[in-house]
Amino acid sequence: MIKVNVVTIYEGIADQPEQGVLLPNGQVLVHADDQFGLYNANERGGVYYINLDADSTDYLNGSPSSFFDLVTA
């Protein structure tokens, strides 16, 4: 896992870059609104983009057990 810059796109608007963690499977772990989320992302120019307009699936889905499984795998 490595720390990367992440930009989230929602309703066509890109947020300011924030830090996230790139997982070996290509998904990105981010923290927002006091919660963690795990999303698919596309890399361009060293920045990872989470496009919530195209795919808003949060693979953690607010489940603490999923988060523990993720960090202990």
C-alpha atoms as a PDB file:
ATOM      1  CA  MET A   1       0.000   0.000   0.000  1.00  0.00           C
ATOM      2  CA  ILE A   2       1.232   3.490  -0.845  1.00  0.00           C
ATOM      3  CA  LYS A   3      -0.001   7.016  -0.176  1.00  0.00           C
ATOM      4  CA  VAL A   4      -1.328   8.752  -3.313  1.00  0.00           C
ATOM      5  CA  ASN A   5      -3.109  11.942  -4.349  1.00  0.00           C
ATOM      6  CA  VAL A   6      -6.813  11.390  -5.007  1.00  0.00           C
ATOM      7  CA  VAL A   7      -9.399  13.591  -6.718  1.00  0.00           C
ATOM      8  CA  THR A   8     -13.084  12.758  -6.298  1.00  0.00           C
ATOM      9  CA  ILE A   9     -15.517  13.713  -9.060  1.00  0.00           C
ATOM     10  CA  TYR A  10     -19.205  14.117  -8.177  1.00  0.00           C
ATOM     11  CA  GLU A  11     -21.901  15.666 -10.357  1.00  0.00           C
ATOM     12  CA  GLY A  12     -19.203  16.631 -12.836  1.00  0.00           C
ATOM     13  CA  ILE A  13     -17.230  18.655 -10.288  1.00  0.00           C
ATOM     14  CA  ALA A  14     -13.736  17.638  -9.190  1.00  0.00           C
ATOM     15  CA  ASP A  15     -12.844  18.173  -5.523  1.00  0.00           C
ATOM     16  CA  GLN A  16      -9.464  19.399  -4.363  1.00  0.00           C
ATOM     17  CA  PRO A  17      -6.822  16.663  -4.241  1.00  0.00           C
ATOM     18  CA  GLU A  18      -6.573  14.764  -0.977  1.00  0.00           C
ATOM     19  CA  GLN A  19      -4.445  11.887   0.206  1.00  0.00           C
ATOM     20  CA  GLY A  20      -5.549   8.298   0.006  1.00  0.00           C
ATOM     21  CA  VAL A  21      -4.018   4.846   0.102  1.00  0.00           C
ATOM     22  CA  LEU A  22      -3.584   2.824  -3.083  1.00  0.00           C
ATOM     23  CA  LEU A  23      -4.177  -0.875  -2.494  1.00  0.00           C
ATOM     24  CA  PRO A  24      -2.526  -3.651  -4.525  1.00  0.00           C
ATOM     25  CA  ASN A  25      -5.833  -4.359  -6.314  1.00  0.00           C
ATOM     26  CA  GLY A  26      -5.964  -0.779  -7.695  1.00  0.00           C
ATOM     27  CA  GLN A  27      -8.695   0.463  -5.360  1.00  0.00           C
ATOM     28  CA  VAL A  28      -8.168   3.575  -3.237  1.00  0.00           C
ATOM     29  CA  LEU A  29      -8.940   3.962   0.460  1.00  0.00           C
ATOM     30  CA  VAL A  30     -10.025   7.503   1.361  1.00  0.00           C
ATOM     31  CA  HIS A  31     -11.284   9.304   4.452  1.00  0.00           C
ATOM     32  CA  ALA A  32     -14.100  11.860   4.308  1.00  0.00           C
ATOM     33  CA  ASP A  33     -16.837  13.011   6.666  1.00  0.00           C
ATOM     34  CA  ASP A  34     -15.342  10.950   9.526  1.00  0.00           C
ATOM     35  CA  GLN A  35     -15.698   7.730   7.513  1.00  0.00           C
ATOM     36  CA  PHE A  36     -13.476   5.553   5.392  1.00  0.00           C
ATOM     37  CA  GLY A  37     -14.434   4.563   1.855  1.00  0.00           C
ATOM     38  CA  LEU A  38     -12.935   2.138  -0.643  1.00  0.00           C
ATOM     39  CA  TYR A  39     -13.458   2.968  -4.314  1.00  0.00           C
ATOM     40  CA  ASN A  40     -12.309   2.040  -7.790  1.00  0.00           C
ATOM     41  CA  ALA A  41     -10.033   4.712  -9.234  1.00  0.00           C
ATOM     42  CA  ASN A  42      -8.296   5.562 -12.496  1.00  0.00           C
ATOM     43  CA  GLU A  43      -4.757   6.924 -12.562  1.00  0.00           C
ATOM     44  CA  ARG A  44      -3.764   9.833 -14.796  1.00  0.00           C
ATOM     45  CA  GLY A  45      -0.480  11.657 -14.420  1.00  0.00           C
ATOM     46  CA  GLY A  46       0.202  10.224 -10.975  1.00  0.00           C
ATOM     47  CA  VAL A  47      -3.197  11.297  -9.594  1.00  0.00           C
ATOM     48  CA  TYR A  48      -5.981   8.805  -8.857  1.00  0.00           C
ATOM     49  CA  TYR A  49      -9.493   9.843  -9.831  1.00  0.00           C
ATOM     50  CA  ILE A  50     -12.613   8.461  -8.169  1.00  0.00           C
ATOM     51  CA  ASN A  51     -15.532   9.223 -10.485  1.00  0.00           C
ATOM     52  CA  LEU A  52     -18.648   8.850  -8.346  1.00  0.00           C
ATOM     53  CA  ASP A  53     -20.811   9.766 -11.344  1.00  0.00           C
ATOM     54  CA  ALA A  54     -19.681   6.590 -13.130  1.00  0.00           C
ATOM     55  CA  ASP A  55     -19.222   4.230 -10.143  1.00  0.00           C
ATOM     56  CA  SER A  56     -20.297   5.226  -6.635  1.00  0.00           C
ATOM     57  CA  THR A  57     -19.824   1.782  -5.088  1.00  0.00           C
ATOM     58  CA  ASP A  58     -18.169   2.024  -1.678  1.00  0.00           C
ATOM     59  CA  TYR A  59     -16.641  -1.403  -1.186  1.00  0.00           C
ATOM     60  CA  LEU A  60     -16.408  -0.875   2.573  1.00  0.00           C
ATOM     61  CA  ASN A  61     -20.031   0.248   2.718  1.00  0.00           C
ATOM     62  CA  GLY A  62     -19.619   1.565   6.261  1.00  0.00           C
ATOM     63  CA  SER A  63     -18.917  -1.910   7.598  1.00  0.00           C
ATOM     64  CA  PRO A  64     -16.301  -1.920  10.383  1.00  0.00           C
ATOM     65  CA  SER A  65     -15.632  -5.619   9.856  1.00  0.00           C
ATOM     66  CA  SER A  66     -14.821  -4.974   6.171  1.00  0.00           C
ATOM     67  CA  PHE A  67     -12.331  -2.309   7.226  1.00  0.00           C
ATOM     68  CA  PHE A  68     -10.643  -4.674   9.688  1.00  0.00           C
ATOM     69  CA  ASP A  69     -10.495  -7.378   7.010  1.00  0.00           C
ATOM     70  CA  LEU A  70      -8.884  -4.883   4.648  1.00  0.00           C
ATOM     71  CA  VAL A  71      -6.113  -3.752   6.979  1.00  0.00           C
ATOM     72  CA  THR A  72      -5.333  -7.214   8.335  1.00  0.00           C
ATOM     73  CA  ALA A  73      -5.220  -9.015   4.981  1.00  0.00           C
END
